[in-house]
Amino acid sequence: MPVGKVGGRRPERQHESQTPFLRRASLYLGVAFEFPGTILGGLLVGYLLDHYLGTSPWLLITTTLLAFAGAFVRLVHWLKYFARERDGSRGKKDDTPH
């Protein structure tokens, strides 16, 4: 029995069919965690700075608003990336938002 066969199936064929799905799922999960994570990070940093510097609630408000703005900028980048990927117009360069 060849090493690559398990139960009469070829594992590399199954891997090839799952790769695009898993790639898309990982991108969508990344967006799902990045958006609220950015906002929660801004809240946490603002709270800790306010607590340390005694400027409550000004730094909390400021960092939260900056985090919202940053999260929406990232969301727009992701939406542009997904639109290009759906249209099939991805260039040769890696356009994945980092």
PDB file of N, CA and C in Angstrom:
ATOM      1  N   MET A   1       0.844  -1.183   0.000  1.00  0.00           N
ATOM      2  CA  MET A   1       0.000   0.000   0.000  1.00  0.00           C
ATOM      3  C   MET A   1       0.888   1.245   0.000  1.00  0.00           C
ATOM      4  N   PRO A   2       0.699   2.177  -0.931  1.00  0.00           N
ATOM      5  CA  PRO A   2       1.522   3.388  -0.972  1.00  0.00           C
ATOM      6  C   PRO A   2       1.324   4.245   0.272  1.00  0.00           C
ATOM      7  N   VAL A   3       2.344   4.978   0.596  1.00  0.00           N
ATOM      8  CA  VAL A   3       2.336   5.793   1.805  1.00  0.00           C
ATOM      9  C   VAL A   3       1.292   6.901   1.729  1.00  0.00           C
ATOM     10  N   GLY A   4       1.050   7.495   0.569  1.00  0.00           N
ATOM     11  CA  GLY A   4       0.150   8.636   0.440  1.00  0.00           C
ATOM     12  C   GLY A   4      -1.325   8.287   0.495  1.00  0.00           C
ATOM     13  N   LYS A   5      -1.667   6.988   0.439  1.00  0.00           N
ATOM     14  CA  LYS A   5      -3.079   6.613   0.417  1.00  0.00           C
ATOM     15  C   LYS A   5      -3.561   6.205   1.799  1.00  0.00           C
ATOM     16  N   VAL A   6      -4.734   6.700   2.156  1.00  0.00           N
ATOM     17  CA  VAL A   6      -5.375   6.324   3.403  1.00  0.00           C
ATOM     18  C   VAL A   6      -6.820   6.011   3.071  1.00  0.00           C
ATOM     19  N   GLY A   7      -7.234   4.786   3.265  1.00  0.00           N
ATOM     20  CA  GLY A   7      -8.621   4.425   2.982  1.00  0.00           C
ATOM     21  C   GLY A   7      -8.988   4.560   1.504  1.00  0.00           C
ATOM     22  N   GLY A   8      -8.002   4.448   0.625  1.00  0.00           N
ATOM     23  CA  GLY A   8      -8.274   4.534  -0.802  1.00  0.00           C
ATOM     24  C   GLY A   8      -8.426   5.956  -1.327  1.00  0.00           C
ATOM     25  N   ARG A   9      -8.320   6.945  -0.467  1.00  0.00           N
ATOM     26  CA  ARG A   9      -8.444   8.343  -0.909  1.00  0.00           C
ATOM     27  C   ARG A   9      -7.071   8.991  -0.940  1.00  0.00           C
ATOM     28  N   ARG A  10      -6.944  10.004  -1.751  1.00  0.00           N
ATOM     29  CA  ARG A  10      -5.696  10.757  -1.814  1.00  0.00           C
ATOM     30  C   ARG A  10      -5.843  11.998  -0.938  1.00  0.00           C
ATOM     31  N   PRO A  11      -5.095  12.100   0.156  1.00  0.00           N
ATOM     32  CA  PRO A  11      -5.247  13.226   1.078  1.00  0.00           C
ATOM     33  C   PRO A  11      -4.914  14.572   0.441  1.00  0.00           C
ATOM     34  N   GLU A  12      -3.988  14.613  -0.525  1.00  0.00           N
ATOM     35  CA  GLU A  12      -3.638  15.902  -1.105  1.00  0.00           C
ATOM     36  C   GLU A  12      -4.796  16.497  -1.905  1.00  0.00           C
ATOM     37  N   ARG A  13      -5.650  15.676  -2.496  1.00  0.00           N
ATOM     38  CA  ARG A  13      -6.802  16.193  -3.223  1.00  0.00           C
ATOM     39  C   ARG A  13      -7.798  16.838  -2.257  1.00  0.00           C
ATOM     40  N   GLN A  14      -8.034  16.204  -1.123  1.00  0.00           N
ATOM     41  CA  GLN A  14      -8.926  16.774  -0.120  1.00  0.00           C
ATOM     42  C   GLN A  14      -8.347  18.084   0.412  1.00  0.00           C
ATOM     43  N   HIS A  15      -7.042  18.125   0.610  1.00  0.00           N
ATOM     44  CA  HIS A  15      -6.387  19.341   1.102  1.00  0.00           C
ATOM     45  C   HIS A  15      -6.553  20.480   0.104  1.00  0.00           C
ATOM     46  N   GLU A  16      -6.408  20.202  -1.184  1.00  0.00           N
ATOM     47  CA  GLU A  16      -6.544  21.236  -2.204  1.00  0.00           C
ATOM     48  C   GLU A  16      -7.950  21.813  -2.232  1.00  0.00           C
ATOM     49  N   SER A  17      -8.978  20.993  -2.021  1.00  0.00           N
ATOM     50  CA  SER A  17     -10.346  21.498  -2.073  1.00  0.00           C
ATOM     51  C   SER A  17     -10.699  22.316  -0.831  1.00  0.00           C
ATOM     52  N   GLN A  18     -10.046  22.074   0.293  1.00  0.00           N
ATOM     53  CA  GLN A  18     -10.345  22.810   1.518  1.00  0.00           C
ATOM     54  C   GLN A  18      -9.542  24.092   1.645  1.00  0.00           C
ATOM     55  N   THR A  19      -8.451  24.200   0.955  1.00  0.00           N
ATOM     56  CA  THR A  19      -7.566  25.344   1.129  1.00  0.00           C
ATOM     57  C   THR A  19      -8.254  26.683   0.862  1.00  0.00           C
ATOM     58  N   PRO A  20      -8.970  26.886  -0.253  1.00  0.00           N
ATOM     59  CA  PRO A  20      -9.614  28.197  -0.460  1.00  0.00           C
ATOM     60  C   PRO A  20     -10.661  28.510   0.614  1.00  0.00           C
ATOM     61  N   PHE A  21     -11.416  27.503   1.025  1.00  0.00           N
ATOM     62  CA  PHE A  21     -12.417  27.727   2.067  1.00  0.00           C
ATOM     63  C   PHE A  21     -11.760  28.117   3.380  1.00  0.00           C
ATOM     64  N   LEU A  22     -10.731  27.387   3.765  1.00  0.00           N
ATOM     65  CA  LEU A  22     -10.051  27.681   5.027  1.00  0.00           C
ATOM     66  C   LEU A  22      -9.355  29.034   4.973  1.00  0.00           C
ATOM     67  N   ARG A  23      -8.817  29.393   3.818  1.00  0.00           N
ATOM     68  CA  ARG A  23      -8.177  30.694   3.682  1.00  0.00           C
ATOM     69  C   ARG A  23      -9.196  31.813   3.857  1.00  0.00           C
ATOM     70  N   ARG A  24     -10.343  31.703   3.188  1.00  0.00           N
ATOM     71  CA  ARG A  24     -11.382  32.721   3.329  1.00  0.00           C
ATOM     72  C   ARG A  24     -11.898  32.780   4.756  1.00  0.00           C
ATOM     73  N   ALA A  25     -12.117  31.612   5.349  1.00  0.00           N
ATOM     74  CA  ALA A  25     -12.622  31.574   6.727  1.00  0.00           C
ATOM     75  C   ALA A  25     -11.638  32.234   7.686  1.00  0.00           C
ATOM     76  N   SER A  26     -10.350  31.995   7.479  1.00  0.00           N
ATOM     77  CA  SER A  26      -9.367  32.607   8.375  1.00  0.00           C
ATOM     78  C   SER A  26      -9.323  34.126   8.191  1.00  0.00           C
ATOM     79  N   LEU A  27      -9.489  34.601   6.964  1.00  0.00           N
ATOM     80  CA  LEU A  27      -9.527  36.046   6.738  1.00  0.00           C
ATOM     81  C   LEU A  27     -10.746  36.670   7.404  1.00  0.00           C
ATOM     82  N   TYR A  28     -11.899  36.031   7.251  1.00  0.00           N
ATOM     83  CA  TYR A  28     -13.117  36.571   7.860  1.00  0.00           C
ATOM     84  C   TYR A  28     -13.030  36.547   9.380  1.00  0.00           C
ATOM     85  N   LEU A  29     -12.457  35.482   9.931  1.00  0.00           N
ATOM     86  CA  LEU A  29     -12.285  35.432  11.385  1.00  0.00           C
ATOM     87  C   LEU A  29     -11.297  36.492  11.856  1.00  0.00           C
ATOM     88  N   GLY A  30     -10.281  36.739  11.051  1.00  0.00           N
ATOM     89  CA  GLY A  30      -9.327  37.790  11.396  1.00  0.00           C
ATOM     90  C   GLY A  30      -9.998  39.153  11.486  1.00  0.00           C
ATOM     91  N   VAL A  31     -10.871  39.437  10.522  1.00  0.00           N
ATOM     92  CA  VAL A  31     -11.608  40.706  10.546  1.00  0.00           C
ATOM     93  C   VAL A  31     -12.538  40.748  11.754  1.00  0.00           C
ATOM     94  N   ALA A  32     -13.202  39.620  12.022  1.00  0.00           N
ATOM     95  CA  ALA A  32     -14.161  39.567  13.129  1.00  0.00           C
ATOM     96  C   ALA A  32     -13.490  39.827  14.474  1.00  0.00           C
ATOM     97  N   PHE A  33     -12.248  39.424  14.622  1.00  0.00           N
ATOM     98  CA  PHE A  33     -11.542  39.662  15.878  1.00  0.00           C
ATOM     99  C   PHE A  33     -10.775  40.976  15.874  1.00  0.00           C
ATOM    100  N   GLU A  34     -10.326  41.423  14.704  1.00  0.00           N
ATOM    101  CA  GLU A  34      -9.536  42.652  14.631  1.00  0.00           C
ATOM    102  C   GLU A  34     -10.377  43.884  14.933  1.00  0.00           C
ATOM    103  N   PHE A  35     -11.580  43.952  14.410  1.00  0.00           N
ATOM    104  CA  PHE A  35     -12.421  45.136  14.586  1.00  0.00           C
ATOM    105  C   PHE A  35     -12.756  45.393  16.062  1.00  0.00           C
ATOM    106  N   PRO A  36     -13.382  44.441  16.760  1.00  0.00           N
ATOM    107  CA  PRO A  36     -13.664  44.716  18.184  1.00  0.00           C
ATOM    108  C   PRO A  36     -12.403  44.731  19.042  1.00  0.00           C
ATOM    109  N   GLY A  37     -11.373  43.986  18.638  1.00  0.00           N
ATOM    110  CA  GLY A  37     -10.133  43.982  19.407  1.00  0.00           C
ATOM    111  C   GLY A  37      -9.459  45.336  19.421  1.00  0.00           C
ATOM    112  N   THR A  38      -9.515  46.035  18.288  1.00  0.00           N
ATOM    113  CA  THR A  38      -8.940  47.377  18.213  1.00  0.00           C
ATOM    114  C   THR A  38      -9.674  48.327  19.147  1.00  0.00           C
ATOM    115  N   ILE A  39     -10.992  48.244  19.132  1.00  0.00           N
ATOM    116  CA  ILE A  39     -11.800  49.129  19.975  1.00  0.00           C
ATOM    117  C   ILE A  39     -11.592  48.804  21.455  1.00  0.00           C
ATOM    118  N   LEU A  40     -11.603  47.525  21.787  1.00  0.00           N
ATOM    119  CA  LEU A  40     -11.376  47.140  23.188  1.00  0.00           C
ATOM    120  C   LEU A  40      -9.971  47.506  23.645  1.00  0.00           C
ATOM    121  N   GLY A  41      -9.002  47.410  22.746  1.00  0.00           N
ATOM    122  CA  GLY A  41      -7.640  47.824  23.076  1.00  0.00           C
ATOM    123  C   GLY A  41      -7.578  49.312  23.391  1.00  0.00           C
ATOM    124  N   GLY A  42      -8.293  50.125  22.606  1.00  0.00           N
ATOM    125  CA  GLY A  42      -8.358  51.560  22.872  1.00  0.00           C
ATOM    126  C   GLY A  42      -9.009  51.863  24.205  1.00  0.00           C
ATOM    127  N   LEU A  43     -10.072  51.131  24.508  1.00  0.00           N
ATOM    128  CA  LEU A  43     -10.731  51.308  25.808  1.00  0.00           C
ATOM    129  C   LEU A  43      -9.784  50.975  26.959  1.00  0.00           C
ATOM    130  N   LEU A  44      -9.087  49.867  26.835  1.00  0.00           N
ATOM    131  CA  LEU A  44      -8.190  49.424  27.903  1.00  0.00           C
ATOM    132  C   LEU A  44      -7.032  50.402  28.097  1.00  0.00           C
ATOM    133  N   VAL A  45      -6.426  50.818  26.992  1.00  0.00           N
ATOM    134  CA  VAL A  45      -5.310  51.771  27.095  1.00  0.00           C
ATOM    135  C   VAL A  45      -5.793  53.085  27.704  1.00  0.00           C
ATOM    136  N   GLY A  46      -6.937  53.580  27.263  1.00  0.00           N
ATOM    137  CA  GLY A  46      -7.470  54.824  27.816  1.00  0.00           C
ATOM    138  C   GLY A  46      -7.785  54.707  29.292  1.00  0.00           C
ATOM    139  N   TYR A  47      -8.367  53.592  29.685  1.00  0.00           N
ATOM    140  CA  TYR A  47      -8.693  53.386  31.101  1.00  0.00           C
ATOM    141  C   TYR A  47      -7.425  53.359  31.951  1.00  0.00           C
ATOM    142  N   LEU A  48      -6.437  52.600  31.491  1.00  0.00           N
ATOM    143  CA  LEU A  48      -5.198  52.491  32.263  1.00  0.00           C
ATOM    144  C   LEU A  48      -4.460  53.824  32.335  1.00  0.00           C
ATOM    145  N   LEU A  49      -4.424  54.563  31.235  1.00  0.00           N
ATOM    146  CA  LEU A  49      -3.776  55.872  31.263  1.00  0.00           C
ATOM    147  C   LEU A  49      -4.521  56.837  32.178  1.00  0.00           C
ATOM    148  N   ASP A  50      -5.844  56.833  32.104  1.00  0.00           N
ATOM    149  CA  ASP A  50      -6.633  57.687  32.990  1.00  0.00           C
ATOM    150  C   ASP A  50      -6.402  57.330  34.462  1.00  0.00           C
ATOM    151  N   HIS A  51      -6.357  56.050  34.736  1.00  0.00           N
ATOM    152  CA  HIS A  51      -6.142  55.600  36.109  1.00  0.00           C
ATOM    153  C   HIS A  51      -4.754  56.018  36.600  1.00  0.00           C
ATOM    154  N   TYR A  52      -3.753  55.880  35.735  1.00  0.00           N
ATOM    155  CA  TYR A  52      -2.375  56.198  36.111  1.00  0.00           C
ATOM    156  C   TYR A  52      -2.148  57.710  36.229  1.00  0.00           C
ATOM    157  N   LEU A  53      -2.724  58.461  35.276  1.00  0.00           N
ATOM    158  CA  LEU A  53      -2.477  59.909  35.250  1.00  0.00           C
ATOM    159  C   LEU A  53      -3.545  60.727  35.967  1.00  0.00           C
ATOM    160  N   GLY A  54      -4.656  60.105  36.339  1.00  0.00           N
ATOM    161  CA  GLY A  54      -5.725  60.798  37.037  1.00  0.00           C
ATOM    162  C   GLY A  54      -6.466  61.805  36.164  1.00  0.00           C
ATOM    163  N   THR A  55      -6.632  61.500  34.906  1.00  0.00           N
ATOM    164  CA  THR A  55      -7.291  62.424  33.967  1.00  0.00           C
ATOM    165  C   THR A  55      -8.663  61.920  33.545  1.00  0.00           C
ATOM    166  N   SER A  56      -9.264  61.094  34.340  1.00  0.00           N
ATOM    167  CA  SER A  56     -10.533  60.452  33.990  1.00  0.00           C
ATOM    168  C   SER A  56     -11.586  61.473  33.571  1.00  0.00           C
ATOM    169  N   PRO A  57     -12.329  61.274  32.578  1.00  0.00           N
ATOM    170  CA  PRO A  57     -12.441  60.230  31.554  1.00  0.00           C
ATOM    171  C   PRO A  57     -11.839  60.648  30.218  1.00  0.00           C
ATOM    172  N   TRP A  58     -10.986  61.685  30.182  1.00  0.00           N
ATOM    173  CA  TRP A  58     -10.583  62.284  28.915  1.00  0.00           C
ATOM    174  C   TRP A  58      -9.730  61.381  28.039  1.00  0.00           C
ATOM    175  N   LEU A  59      -8.753  60.728  28.604  1.00  0.00           N
ATOM    176  CA  LEU A  59      -7.925  59.837  27.780  1.00  0.00           C
ATOM    177  C   LEU A  59      -8.707  58.594  27.347  1.00  0.00           C
ATOM    178  N   LEU A  60      -9.624  58.151  28.177  1.00  0.00           N
ATOM    179  CA  LEU A  60     -10.479  57.030  27.796  1.00  0.00           C
ATOM    180  C   LEU A  60     -11.311  57.396  26.572  1.00  0.00           C
ATOM    181  N   ILE A  61     -11.902  58.569  26.585  1.00  0.00           N
ATOM    182  CA  ILE A  61     -12.722  59.022  25.454  1.00  0.00           C
ATOM    183  C   ILE A  61     -11.854  59.195  24.205  1.00  0.00           C
ATOM    184  N   THR A  62     -10.692  59.819  24.371  1.00  0.00           N
ATOM    185  CA  THR A  62      -9.811  60.095  23.236  1.00  0.00           C
ATOM    186  C   THR A  62      -9.296  58.809  22.589  1.00  0.00           C
ATOM    187  N   THR A  63      -8.781  57.906  23.404  1.00  0.00           N
ATOM    188  CA  THR A  63      -8.241  56.666  22.830  1.00  0.00           C
ATOM    189  C   THR A  63      -9.339  55.794  22.238  1.00  0.00           C
ATOM    190  N   THR A  64     -10.523  55.817  22.824  1.00  0.00           N
ATOM    191  CA  THR A  64     -11.631  55.042  22.264  1.00  0.00           C
ATOM    192  C   THR A  64     -12.038  55.598  20.908  1.00  0.00           C
ATOM    193  N   LEU A  65     -12.117  56.912  20.785  1.00  0.00           N
ATOM    194  CA  LEU A  65     -12.454  57.513  19.486  1.00  0.00           C
ATOM    195  C   LEU A  65     -11.372  57.233  18.446  1.00  0.00           C
ATOM    196  N   LEU A  66     -10.112  57.308  18.855  1.00  0.00           N
ATOM    197  CA  LEU A  66      -9.025  56.966  17.934  1.00  0.00           C
ATOM    198  C   LEU A  66      -9.078  55.493  17.523  1.00  0.00           C
ATOM    199  N   ALA A  67      -9.420  54.633  18.466  1.00  0.00           N
ATOM    200  CA  ALA A  67      -9.531  53.209  18.155  1.00  0.00           C
ATOM    201  C   ALA A  67     -10.688  52.947  17.189  1.00  0.00           C
ATOM    202  N   PHE A  68     -11.812  53.630  17.383  1.00  0.00           N
ATOM    203  CA  PHE A  68     -12.934  53.498  16.441  1.00  0.00           C
ATOM    204  C   PHE A  68     -12.510  53.932  15.045  1.00  0.00           C
ATOM    205  N   ALA A  69     -11.820  55.063  14.965  1.00  0.00           N
ATOM    206  CA  ALA A  69     -11.370  55.553  13.660  1.00  0.00           C
ATOM    207  C   ALA A  69     -10.407  54.553  13.016  1.00  0.00           C
ATOM    208  N   GLY A  70      -9.473  54.044  13.796  1.00  0.00           N
ATOM    209  CA  GLY A  70      -8.534  53.049  13.275  1.00  0.00           C
ATOM    210  C   GLY A  70      -9.218  51.773  12.843  1.00  0.00           C
ATOM    211  N   ALA A  71     -10.204  51.332  13.611  1.00  0.00           N
ATOM    212  CA  ALA A  71     -10.932  50.111  13.265  1.00  0.00           C
ATOM    213  C   ALA A  71     -11.710  50.290  11.960  1.00  0.00           C
ATOM    214  N   PHE A  72     -12.308  51.457  11.766  1.00  0.00           N
ATOM    215  CA  PHE A  72     -13.051  51.687  10.525  1.00  0.00           C
ATOM    216  C   PHE A  72     -12.120  51.814   9.325  1.00  0.00           C
ATOM    217  N   VAL A  73     -10.949  52.393   9.522  1.00  0.00           N
ATOM    218  CA  VAL A  73      -9.971  52.453   8.429  1.00  0.00           C
ATOM    219  C   VAL A  73      -9.563  51.037   8.034  1.00  0.00           C
ATOM    220  N   ARG A  74      -9.288  50.199   9.027  1.00  0.00           N
ATOM    221  CA  ARG A  74      -8.933  48.802   8.737  1.00  0.00           C
ATOM    222  C   ARG A  74     -10.084  48.063   8.067  1.00  0.00           C
ATOM    223  N   LEU A  75     -11.306  48.339   8.483  1.00  0.00           N
ATOM    224  CA  LEU A  75     -12.460  47.692   7.876  1.00  0.00           C
ATOM    225  C   LEU A  75     -12.582  48.077   6.403  1.00  0.00           C
ATOM    226  N   VAL A  76     -12.347  49.336   6.092  1.00  0.00           N
ATOM    227  CA  VAL A  76     -12.395  49.770   4.692  1.00  0.00           C
ATOM    228  C   VAL A  76     -11.301  49.076   3.886  1.00  0.00           C
ATOM    229  N   HIS A  77     -10.104  48.932   4.460  1.00  0.00           N
ATOM    230  CA  HIS A  77      -9.028  48.226   3.769  1.00  0.00           C
ATOM    231  C   HIS A  77      -9.420  46.776   3.491  1.00  0.00           C
ATOM    232  N   TRP A  78      -9.994  46.125   4.497  1.00  0.00           N
ATOM    233  CA  TRP A  78     -10.429  44.742   4.315  1.00  0.00           C
ATOM    234  C   TRP A  78     -11.517  44.634   3.257  1.00  0.00           C
ATOM    235  N   LEU A  79     -12.478  45.542   3.260  1.00  0.00           N
ATOM    236  CA  LEU A  79     -13.556  45.488   2.273  1.00  0.00           C
ATOM    237  C   LEU A  79     -13.025  45.678   0.856  1.00  0.00           C
ATOM    238  N   LYS A  80     -12.074  46.580   0.687  1.00  0.00           N
ATOM    239  CA  LYS A  80     -11.450  46.755  -0.628  1.00  0.00           C
ATOM    240  C   LYS A  80     -10.719  45.495  -1.054  1.00  0.00           C
ATOM    241  N   TYR A  81     -10.026  44.879  -0.121  1.00  0.00           N
ATOM    242  CA  TYR A  81      -9.302  43.643  -0.417  1.00  0.00           C
ATOM    243  C   TYR A  81     -10.272  42.536  -0.832  1.00  0.00           C
ATOM    244  N   PHE A  82     -11.372  42.370  -0.093  1.00  0.00           N
ATOM    245  CA  PHE A  82     -12.337  41.331  -0.421  1.00  0.00           C
ATOM    246  C   PHE A  82     -13.021  41.603  -1.754  1.00  0.00           C
ATOM    247  N   ALA A  83     -13.264  42.870  -2.073  1.00  0.00           N
ATOM    248  CA  ALA A  83     -13.876  43.210  -3.357  1.00  0.00           C
ATOM    249  C   ALA A  83     -12.928  42.865  -4.503  1.00  0.00           C
ATOM    250  N   ARG A  84     -11.642  43.172  -4.341  1.00  0.00           N
ATOM    251  CA  ARG A  84     -10.665  42.831  -5.383  1.00  0.00           C
ATOM    252  C   ARG A  84     -10.547  41.329  -5.529  1.00  0.00           C
ATOM    253  N   GLU A  85     -10.560  40.612  -4.401  1.00  0.00           N
ATOM    254  CA  GLU A  85     -10.428  39.154  -4.451  1.00  0.00           C
ATOM    255  C   GLU A  85     -11.639  38.519  -5.136  1.00  0.00           C
ATOM    256  N   ARG A  86     -12.826  39.030  -4.873  1.00  0.00           N
ATOM    257  CA  ARG A  86     -14.040  38.486  -5.482  1.00  0.00           C
ATOM    258  C   ARG A  86     -14.051  38.739  -6.987  1.00  0.00           C
ATOM    259  N   ASP A  87     -13.576  39.912  -7.399  1.00  0.00           N
ATOM    260  CA  ASP A  87     -13.538  40.249  -8.822  1.00  0.00           C
ATOM    261  C   ASP A  87     -12.423  39.521  -9.552  1.00  0.00           C
ATOM    262  N   GLY A  88     -11.496  38.959  -8.812  1.00  0.00           N
ATOM    263  CA  GLY A  88     -10.373  38.272  -9.430  1.00  0.00           C
ATOM    264  C   GLY A  88      -9.338  39.224  -9.971  1.00  0.00           C
ATOM    265  N   SER A  89      -9.349  40.452  -9.517  1.00  0.00           N
ATOM    266  CA  SER A  89      -8.418  41.452 -10.038  1.00  0.00           C
ATOM    267  C   SER A  89      -7.244  41.680  -9.112  1.00  0.00           C
ATOM    268  N   ARG A  90      -6.896  40.683  -8.335  1.00  0.00           N
ATOM    269  CA  ARG A  90      -5.726  40.811  -7.471  1.00  0.00           C
ATOM    270  C   ARG A  90      -4.484  40.866  -8.320  1.00  0.00           C
ATOM    271  N   GLY A  91      -3.615  41.800  -7.996  1.00  0.00           N
ATOM    272  CA  GLY A  91      -2.381  41.938  -8.735  1.00  0.00           C
ATOM    273  C   GLY A  91      -1.386  40.868  -8.300  1.00  0.00           C
ATOM    274  N   LYS A  92      -0.171  40.947  -8.850  1.00  0.00           N
ATOM    275  CA  LYS A  92       0.850  39.983  -8.486  1.00  0.00           C
ATOM    276  C   LYS A  92       1.414  40.248  -7.102  1.00  0.00           C
ATOM    277  N   LYS A  93       1.327  41.502  -6.661  1.00  0.00           N
ATOM    278  CA  LYS A  93       1.829  41.809  -5.338  1.00  0.00           C
ATOM    279  C   LYS A  93       0.856  41.312  -4.276  1.00  0.00           C
ATOM    280  N   ASP A  94       1.360  41.149  -3.066  1.00  0.00           N
ATOM    281  CA  ASP A  94       0.529  40.686  -1.969  1.00  0.00           C
ATOM    282  C   ASP A  94      -0.229  41.865  -1.395  1.00  0.00           C
ATOM    283  N   ASP A  95      -1.555  41.920  -1.619  1.00  0.00           N
ATOM    284  CA  ASP A  95      -2.384  43.030  -1.159  1.00  0.00           C
ATOM    285  C   ASP A  95      -3.061  42.764   0.169  1.00  0.00           C
ATOM    286  N   THR A  96      -2.643  41.713   0.862  1.00  0.00           N
ATOM    287  CA  THR A  96      -3.273  41.376   2.126  1.00  0.00           C
ATOM    288  C   THR A  96      -3.039  42.498   3.123  1.00  0.00           C
ATOM    289  N   PRO A  97      -4.096  43.027   3.728  1.00  0.00           N
ATOM    290  CA  PRO A  97      -3.908  44.077   4.729  1.00  0.00           C
ATOM    291  C   PRO A  97      -3.159  43.535   5.932  1.00  0.00           C
ATOM    292  N   HIS A  98      -2.205  44.298   6.401  1.00  0.00           N
ATOM    293  CA  HIS A  98      -1.426  43.862   7.574  1.00  0.00           C
ATOM    294  C   HIS A  98      -1.682  44.782   8.717  1.00  0.00           C
TER     295      HIS A  98
END
